Amino acid sequence: MNQSLPDPKRRPVPLIFLPFVAVWKFLAILTALTGRLIAGSIGLGLLIIGIILSFTFIGAVIGIPLILLGLLLVSRALF
């Protein structure tokens, strides 16, 4: 019996984590296309715009996701 073990690098992603994986892969593609410095500055810009928009209640609906996207983009550019 020759049973091959599953490759630990290629595990199926649980359905609940697919949005997070998709955002992370999108940020990886964006970082690869633009470079780390530009990706970091875009992330910092999104972070600042998100913080400014979050000062109002209605703007928080758009501001909080922009803050999260900016943080992810900056972390992707740094690491």
PDB file of N, CA and C in Angstrom:
ATOM      1  N   MET A   1       0.831  -1.170   0.000  1.00  0.00           N
ATOM      2  CA  MET A   1       0.000   0.000   0.000  1.00  0.00           C
ATOM      3  C   MET A   1       0.881   1.239   0.000  1.00  0.00           C
ATOM      4  N   ASN A   2       0.717   2.009  -1.038  1.00  0.00           N
ATOM      5  CA  ASN A   2       1.488   3.240  -1.170  1.00  0.00           C
ATOM      6  C   ASN A   2       0.548   4.428  -1.025  1.00  0.00           C
ATOM      7  N   GLN A   3       0.382   4.864   0.198  1.00  0.00           N
ATOM      8  CA  GLN A   3      -0.471   6.025   0.440  1.00  0.00           C
ATOM      9  C   GLN A   3       0.407   7.245   0.614  1.00  0.00           C
ATOM     10  N   SER A   4       0.150   8.241  -0.183  1.00  0.00           N
ATOM     11  CA  SER A   4       0.945   9.457  -0.062  1.00  0.00           C
ATOM     12  C   SER A   4       0.331  10.366   1.001  1.00  0.00           C
ATOM     13  N   LEU A   5       1.201  10.994   1.730  1.00  0.00           N
ATOM     14  CA  LEU A   5       0.752  11.925   2.753  1.00  0.00           C
ATOM     15  C   LEU A   5       0.357  13.244   2.105  1.00  0.00           C
ATOM     16  N   PRO A   6      -0.608  13.941   2.677  1.00  0.00           N
ATOM     17  CA  PRO A   6      -0.972  15.246   2.110  1.00  0.00           C
ATOM     18  C   PRO A   6       0.174  16.239   2.289  1.00  0.00           C
ATOM     19  N   ASP A   7       0.339  17.081   1.322  1.00  0.00           N
ATOM     20  CA  ASP A   7       1.379  18.100   1.377  1.00  0.00           C
ATOM     21  C   ASP A   7       0.967  19.165   2.397  1.00  0.00           C
ATOM     22  N   PRO A   8       1.782  19.398   3.428  1.00  0.00           N
ATOM     23  CA  PRO A   8       1.365  20.381   4.448  1.00  0.00           C
ATOM     24  C   PRO A   8       1.314  21.800   3.915  1.00  0.00           C
ATOM     25  N   LYS A   9       1.956  22.054   2.799  1.00  0.00           N
ATOM     26  CA  LYS A   9       1.931  23.399   2.230  1.00  0.00           C
ATOM     27  C   LYS A   9       0.646  23.662   1.441  1.00  0.00           C
ATOM     28  N   ARG A  10      -0.025  22.638   0.981  1.00  0.00           N
ATOM     29  CA  ARG A  10      -1.238  22.792   0.167  1.00  0.00           C
ATOM     30  C   ARG A  10      -2.439  22.220   0.903  1.00  0.00           C
ATOM     31  N   ARG A  11      -2.854  22.899   1.960  1.00  0.00           N
ATOM     32  CA  ARG A  11      -4.041  22.475   2.681  1.00  0.00           C
ATOM     33  C   ARG A  11      -5.239  23.256   2.166  1.00  0.00           C
ATOM     34  N   PRO A  12      -6.381  22.608   2.108  1.00  0.00           N
ATOM     35  CA  PRO A  12      -7.565  23.377   1.703  1.00  0.00           C
ATOM     36  C   PRO A  12      -7.932  24.384   2.782  1.00  0.00           C
ATOM     37  N   VAL A  13      -8.339  25.550   2.345  1.00  0.00           N
ATOM     38  CA  VAL A  13      -8.702  26.629   3.260  1.00  0.00           C
ATOM     39  C   VAL A  13     -10.166  26.454   3.647  1.00  0.00           C
ATOM     40  N   PRO A  14     -10.465  26.513   4.946  1.00  0.00           N
ATOM     41  CA  PRO A  14     -11.874  26.440   5.349  1.00  0.00           C
ATOM     42  C   PRO A  14     -12.669  27.598   4.742  1.00  0.00           C
ATOM     43  N   LEU A  15     -13.894  27.342   4.459  1.00  0.00           N
ATOM     44  CA  LEU A  15     -14.755  28.295   3.767  1.00  0.00           C
ATOM     45  C   LEU A  15     -14.873  29.624   4.507  1.00  0.00           C
ATOM     46  N   ILE A  16     -14.839  29.588   5.816  1.00  0.00           N
ATOM     47  CA  ILE A  16     -15.002  30.822   6.594  1.00  0.00           C
ATOM     48  C   ILE A  16     -13.802  31.753   6.445  1.00  0.00           C
ATOM     49  N   PHE A  17     -12.628  31.212   6.100  1.00  0.00           N
ATOM     50  CA  PHE A  17     -11.419  32.025   5.975  1.00  0.00           C
ATOM     51  C   PHE A  17     -11.154  32.487   4.551  1.00  0.00           C
ATOM     52  N   LEU A  18     -11.972  32.104   3.598  1.00  0.00           N
ATOM     53  CA  LEU A  18     -11.731  32.467   2.203  1.00  0.00           C
ATOM     54  C   LEU A  18     -11.694  33.979   1.953  1.00  0.00           C
ATOM     55  N   PRO A  19     -12.554  34.790   2.563  1.00  0.00           N
ATOM     56  CA  PRO A  19     -12.434  36.234   2.328  1.00  0.00           C
ATOM     57  C   PRO A  19     -11.091  36.806   2.789  1.00  0.00           C
ATOM     58  N   PHE A  20     -10.589  36.321   3.920  1.00  0.00           N
ATOM     59  CA  PHE A  20      -9.315  36.810   4.423  1.00  0.00           C
ATOM     60  C   PHE A  20      -8.158  36.378   3.515  1.00  0.00           C
ATOM     61  N   VAL A  21      -8.231  35.152   3.045  1.00  0.00           N
ATOM     62  CA  VAL A  21      -7.197  34.645   2.139  1.00  0.00           C
ATOM     63  C   VAL A  21      -7.233  35.415   0.827  1.00  0.00           C
ATOM     64  N   ALA A  22      -8.431  35.717   0.343  1.00  0.00           N
ATOM     65  CA  ALA A  22      -8.556  36.461  -0.913  1.00  0.00           C
ATOM     66  C   ALA A  22      -7.986  37.871  -0.780  1.00  0.00           C
ATOM     67  N   VAL A  23      -8.265  38.542   0.338  1.00  0.00           N
ATOM     68  CA  VAL A  23      -7.724  39.892   0.549  1.00  0.00           C
ATOM     69  C   VAL A  23      -6.206  39.832   0.655  1.00  0.00           C
ATOM     70  N   TRP A  24      -5.678  38.837   1.372  1.00  0.00           N
ATOM     71  CA  TRP A  24      -4.231  38.728   1.545  1.00  0.00           C
ATOM     72  C   TRP A  24      -3.542  38.451   0.206  1.00  0.00           C
ATOM     73  N   LYS A  25      -4.148  37.586  -0.629  1.00  0.00           N
ATOM     74  CA  LYS A  25      -3.558  37.309  -1.951  1.00  0.00           C
ATOM     75  C   LYS A  25      -3.633  38.542  -2.846  1.00  0.00           C
ATOM     76  N   PHE A  26      -4.727  39.299  -2.748  1.00  0.00           N
ATOM     77  CA  PHE A  26      -4.836  40.537  -3.515  1.00  0.00           C
ATOM     78  C   PHE A  26      -3.749  41.524  -3.100  1.00  0.00           C
ATOM     79  N   LEU A  27      -3.501  41.641  -1.807  1.00  0.00           N
ATOM     80  CA  LEU A  27      -2.455  42.536  -1.331  1.00  0.00           C
ATOM     81  C   LEU A  27      -1.075  42.048  -1.754  1.00  0.00           C
ATOM     82  N   ALA A  28      -0.886  40.741  -1.815  1.00  0.00           N
ATOM     83  CA  ALA A  28       0.395  40.203  -2.274  1.00  0.00           C
ATOM     84  C   ALA A  28       0.624  40.533  -3.743  1.00  0.00           C
ATOM     85  N   ILE A  29      -0.420  40.422  -4.552  1.00  0.00           N
ATOM     86  CA  ILE A  29      -0.306  40.765  -5.972  1.00  0.00           C
ATOM     87  C   ILE A  29      -0.038  42.257  -6.134  1.00  0.00           C
ATOM     88  N   LEU A  30      -0.756  43.080  -5.366  1.00  0.00           N
ATOM     89  CA  LEU A  30      -0.559  44.528  -5.429  1.00  0.00           C
ATOM     90  C   LEU A  30       0.852  44.911  -5.011  1.00  0.00           C
ATOM     91  N   THR A  31       1.351  44.267  -3.962  1.00  0.00           N
ATOM     92  CA  THR A  31       2.716  44.545  -3.506  1.00  0.00           C
ATOM     93  C   THR A  31       3.738  44.114  -4.544  1.00  0.00           C
ATOM     94  N   ALA A  32       3.513  42.974  -5.180  1.00  0.00           N
ATOM     95  CA  ALA A  32       4.451  42.495  -6.198  1.00  0.00           C
ATOM     96  C   ALA A  32       4.454  43.413  -7.414  1.00  0.00           C
ATOM     97  N   LEU A  33       3.300  43.953  -7.761  1.00  0.00           N
ATOM     98  CA  LEU A  33       3.229  44.820  -8.934  1.00  0.00           C
ATOM     99  C   LEU A  33       3.814  46.203  -8.664  1.00  0.00           C
ATOM    100  N   THR A  34       3.555  46.744  -7.506  1.00  0.00           N
ATOM    101  CA  THR A  34       3.962  48.126  -7.254  1.00  0.00           C
ATOM    102  C   THR A  34       5.287  48.252  -6.518  1.00  0.00           C
ATOM    103  N   GLY A  35       5.672  47.250  -5.802  1.00  0.00           N
ATOM    104  CA  GLY A  35       6.880  47.349  -4.998  1.00  0.00           C
ATOM    105  C   GLY A  35       6.540  47.691  -3.564  1.00  0.00           C
ATOM    106  N   ARG A  36       7.472  47.411  -2.707  1.00  0.00           N
ATOM    107  CA  ARG A  36       7.214  47.573  -1.271  1.00  0.00           C
ATOM    108  C   ARG A  36       7.037  49.027  -0.859  1.00  0.00           C
ATOM    109  N   LEU A  37       7.825  49.914  -1.399  1.00  0.00           N
ATOM    110  CA  LEU A  37       7.758  51.312  -0.971  1.00  0.00           C
ATOM    111  C   LEU A  37       6.429  51.952  -1.368  1.00  0.00           C
ATOM    112  N   ILE A  38       6.015  51.722  -2.597  1.00  0.00           N
ATOM    113  CA  ILE A  38       4.752  52.303  -3.059  1.00  0.00           C
ATOM    114  C   ILE A  38       3.576  51.642  -2.347  1.00  0.00           C
ATOM    115  N   ALA A  39       3.653  50.328  -2.150  1.00  0.00           N
ATOM    116  CA  ALA A  39       2.573  49.639  -1.440  1.00  0.00           C
ATOM    117  C   ALA A  39       2.456  50.139  -0.009  1.00  0.00           C
ATOM    118  N   GLY A  40       3.597  50.378   0.639  1.00  0.00           N
ATOM    119  CA  GLY A  40       3.563  50.916   2.001  1.00  0.00           C
ATOM    120  C   GLY A  40       2.996  52.314   2.057  1.00  0.00           C
ATOM    121  N   SER A  41       3.339  53.149   1.070  1.00  0.00           N
ATOM    122  CA  SER A  41       2.804  54.516   1.075  1.00  0.00           C
ATOM    123  C   SER A  41       1.316  54.533   0.720  1.00  0.00           C
ATOM    124  N   ILE A  42       0.877  53.652  -0.165  1.00  0.00           N
ATOM    125  CA  ILE A  42      -0.563  53.540  -0.449  1.00  0.00           C
ATOM    126  C   ILE A  42      -1.296  53.077   0.803  1.00  0.00           C
ATOM    127  N   GLY A  43      -0.732  52.099   1.517  1.00  0.00           N
ATOM    128  CA  GLY A  43      -1.338  51.619   2.752  1.00  0.00           C
ATOM    129  C   GLY A  43      -1.410  52.693   3.809  1.00  0.00           C
ATOM    130  N   LEU A  44      -0.355  53.485   3.921  1.00  0.00           N
ATOM    131  CA  LEU A  44      -0.352  54.581   4.890  1.00  0.00           C
ATOM    132  C   LEU A  44      -1.393  55.636   4.516  1.00  0.00           C
ATOM    133  N   GLY A  45      -1.521  55.913   3.218  1.00  0.00           N
ATOM    134  CA  GLY A  45      -2.539  56.858   2.766  1.00  0.00           C
ATOM    135  C   GLY A  45      -3.947  56.365   3.055  1.00  0.00           C
ATOM    136  N   LEU A  46      -4.201  55.081   2.789  1.00  0.00           N
ATOM    137  CA  LEU A  46      -5.518  54.508   3.096  1.00  0.00           C
ATOM    138  C   LEU A  46      -5.783  54.536   4.598  1.00  0.00           C
ATOM    139  N   LEU A  47      -4.747  54.315   5.373  1.00  0.00           N
ATOM    140  CA  LEU A  47      -4.881  54.344   6.824  1.00  0.00           C
ATOM    141  C   LEU A  47      -5.274  55.735   7.310  1.00  0.00           C
ATOM    142  N   ILE A  48      -4.624  56.749   6.796  1.00  0.00           N
ATOM    143  CA  ILE A  48      -4.924  58.137   7.195  1.00  0.00           C
ATOM    144  C   ILE A  48      -6.324  58.539   6.740  1.00  0.00           C
ATOM    145  N   ILE A  49      -6.681  58.203   5.500  1.00  0.00           N
ATOM    146  CA  ILE A  49      -8.029  58.527   4.998  1.00  0.00           C
ATOM    147  C   ILE A  49      -9.089  57.808   5.824  1.00  0.00           C
ATOM    148  N   GLY A  50      -8.822  56.551   6.180  1.00  0.00           N
ATOM    149  CA  GLY A  50      -9.767  55.797   7.003  1.00  0.00           C
ATOM    150  C   GLY A  50      -9.952  56.404   8.374  1.00  0.00           C
ATOM    151  N   ILE A  51      -8.865  56.889   8.970  1.00  0.00           N
ATOM    152  CA  ILE A  51      -8.959  57.524  10.288  1.00  0.00           C
ATOM    153  C   ILE A  51      -9.763  58.821  10.198  1.00  0.00           C
ATOM    154  N   ILE A  52      -9.515  59.606   9.163  1.00  0.00           N
ATOM    155  CA  ILE A  52     -10.254  60.864   8.989  1.00  0.00           C
ATOM    156  C   ILE A  52     -11.744  60.592   8.771  1.00  0.00           C
ATOM    157  N   LEU A  53     -12.056  59.584   7.946  1.00  0.00           N
ATOM    158  CA  LEU A  53     -13.462  59.268   7.706  1.00  0.00           C
ATOM    159  C   LEU A  53     -14.150  58.703   8.944  1.00  0.00           C
ATOM    160  N   SER A  54     -13.402  58.073   9.824  1.00  0.00           N
ATOM    161  CA  SER A  54     -14.007  57.455  11.005  1.00  0.00           C
ATOM    162  C   SER A  54     -14.433  58.463  12.059  1.00  0.00           C
ATOM    163  N   PHE A  55     -14.082  59.735  11.887  1.00  0.00           N
ATOM    164  CA  PHE A  55     -14.514  60.738  12.853  1.00  0.00           C
ATOM    165  C   PHE A  55     -16.014  60.981  12.796  1.00  0.00           C
ATOM    166  N   THR A  56     -16.641  60.695  11.669  1.00  0.00           N
ATOM    167  CA  THR A  56     -18.093  60.817  11.576  1.00  0.00           C
ATOM    168  C   THR A  56     -18.714  59.429  11.630  1.00  0.00           C
ATOM    169  N   PHE A  57     -19.951  59.358  12.070  1.00  0.00           N
ATOM    170  CA  PHE A  57     -20.610  58.057  12.203  1.00  0.00           C
ATOM    171  C   PHE A  57     -20.850  57.416  10.840  1.00  0.00           C
ATOM    172  N   ILE A  58     -21.302  58.204   9.890  1.00  0.00           N
ATOM    173  CA  ILE A  58     -21.581  57.665   8.557  1.00  0.00           C
ATOM    174  C   ILE A  58     -20.279  57.295   7.843  1.00  0.00           C
ATOM    175  N   GLY A  59     -19.244  58.092   8.040  1.00  0.00           N
ATOM    176  CA  GLY A  59     -17.959  57.797   7.416  1.00  0.00           C
ATOM    177  C   GLY A  59     -17.270  56.582   8.002  1.00  0.00           C
ATOM    178  N   ALA A  60     -17.662  56.175   9.210  1.00  0.00           N
ATOM    179  CA  ALA A  60     -17.049  55.011   9.847  1.00  0.00           C
ATOM    180  C   ALA A  60     -17.356  53.728   9.086  1.00  0.00           C
ATOM    181  N   VAL A  61     -18.486  53.722   8.380  1.00  0.00           N
ATOM    182  CA  VAL A  61     -18.838  52.545   7.586  1.00  0.00           C
ATOM    183  C   VAL A  61     -17.792  52.300   6.502  1.00  0.00           C
ATOM    184  N   ILE A  62     -17.261  53.349   5.946  1.00  0.00           N
ATOM    185  CA  ILE A  62     -16.217  53.232   4.926  1.00  0.00           C
ATOM    186  C   ILE A  62     -14.836  53.351   5.554  1.00  0.00           C
ATOM    187  N   GLY A  63     -14.717  54.109   6.615  1.00  0.00           N
ATOM    188  CA  GLY A  63     -13.418  54.380   7.220  1.00  0.00           C
ATOM    189  C   GLY A  63     -12.776  53.178   7.880  1.00  0.00           C
ATOM    190  N   ILE A  64     -13.553  52.379   8.590  1.00  0.00           N
ATOM    191  CA  ILE A  64     -12.996  51.223   9.295  1.00  0.00           C
ATOM    192  C   ILE A  64     -12.442  50.180   8.319  1.00  0.00           C
ATOM    193  N   PRO A  65     -13.175  49.825   7.244  1.00  0.00           N
ATOM    194  CA  PRO A  65     -12.540  48.909   6.273  1.00  0.00           C
ATOM    195  C   PRO A  65     -11.297  49.496   5.611  1.00  0.00           C
ATOM    196  N   LEU A  66     -11.280  50.827   5.387  1.00  0.00           N
ATOM    197  CA  LEU A  66     -10.077  51.444   4.820  1.00  0.00           C
ATOM    198  C   LEU A  66      -8.906  51.366   5.790  1.00  0.00           C
ATOM    199  N   ILE A  67      -9.175  51.532   7.074  1.00  0.00           N
ATOM    200  CA  ILE A  67      -8.118  51.400   8.077  1.00  0.00           C
ATOM    201  C   ILE A  67      -7.562  49.980   8.058  1.00  0.00           C
ATOM    202  N   LEU A  68      -8.445  49.002   8.032  1.00  0.00           N
ATOM    203  CA  LEU A  68      -7.999  47.609   8.017  1.00  0.00           C
ATOM    204  C   LEU A  68      -7.218  47.286   6.745  1.00  0.00           C
ATOM    205  N   LEU A  69      -7.696  47.770   5.609  1.00  0.00           N
ATOM    206  CA  LEU A  69      -6.988  47.533   4.352  1.00  0.00           C
ATOM    207  C   LEU A  69      -5.629  48.220   4.359  1.00  0.00           C
ATOM    208  N   GLY A  70      -5.568  49.427   4.914  1.00  0.00           N
ATOM    209  CA  GLY A  70      -4.293  50.132   5.022  1.00  0.00           C
ATOM    210  C   GLY A  70      -3.312  49.411   5.926  1.00  0.00           C
ATOM    211  N   LEU A  71      -3.804  48.903   7.060  1.00  0.00           N
ATOM    212  CA  LEU A  71      -2.942  48.150   7.967  1.00  0.00           C
ATOM    213  C   LEU A  71      -2.419  46.881   7.314  1.00  0.00           C
ATOM    214  N   LEU A  72      -3.287  46.184   6.605  1.00  0.00           N
ATOM    215  CA  LEU A  72      -2.851  44.965   5.923  1.00  0.00           C
ATOM    216  C   LEU A  72      -1.824  45.270   4.842  1.00  0.00           C
ATOM    217  N   LEU A  73      -2.035  46.352   4.123  1.00  0.00           N
ATOM    218  CA  LEU A  73      -1.107  46.707   3.050  1.00  0.00           C
ATOM    219  C   LEU A  73       0.247  47.131   3.619  1.00  0.00           C
ATOM    220  N   VAL A  74       0.240  47.873   4.706  1.00  0.00           N
ATOM    221  CA  VAL A  74       1.498  48.262   5.340  1.00  0.00           C
ATOM    222  C   VAL A  74       2.219  47.042   5.905  1.00  0.00           C
ATOM    223  N   SER A  75       1.470  46.129   6.545  1.00  0.00           N
ATOM    224  CA  SER A  75       2.108  44.933   7.080  1.00  0.00           C
ATOM    225  C   SER A  75       2.633  44.044   5.967  1.00  0.00           C
ATOM    226  N   ARG A  76       1.935  44.002   4.843  1.00  0.00           N
ATOM    227  CA  ARG A  76       2.410  43.220   3.701  1.00  0.00           C
ATOM    228  C   ARG A  76       3.667  43.850   3.104  1.00  0.00           C
ATOM    229  N   ALA A  77       3.745  45.155   3.124  1.00  0.00           N
ATOM    230  CA  ALA A  77       4.925  45.830   2.590  1.00  0.00           C
ATOM    231  C   ALA A  77       6.131  45.662   3.516  1.00  0.00           C
ATOM    232  N   LEU A  78       5.893  45.585   4.817  1.00  0.00           N
ATOM    233  CA  LEU A  78       6.996  45.454   5.769  1.00  0.00           C
ATOM    234  C   LEU A  78       7.518  44.027   5.869  1.00  0.00           C
ATOM    235  N   PHE A  79       6.633  43.041   5.793  1.00  0.00           N
ATOM    236  CA  PHE A  79       7.042  41.653   6.000  1.00  0.00           C
ATOM    237  C   PHE A  79       6.995  40.873   4.745  1.00  0.00           C
TER     238      PHE A  79
END
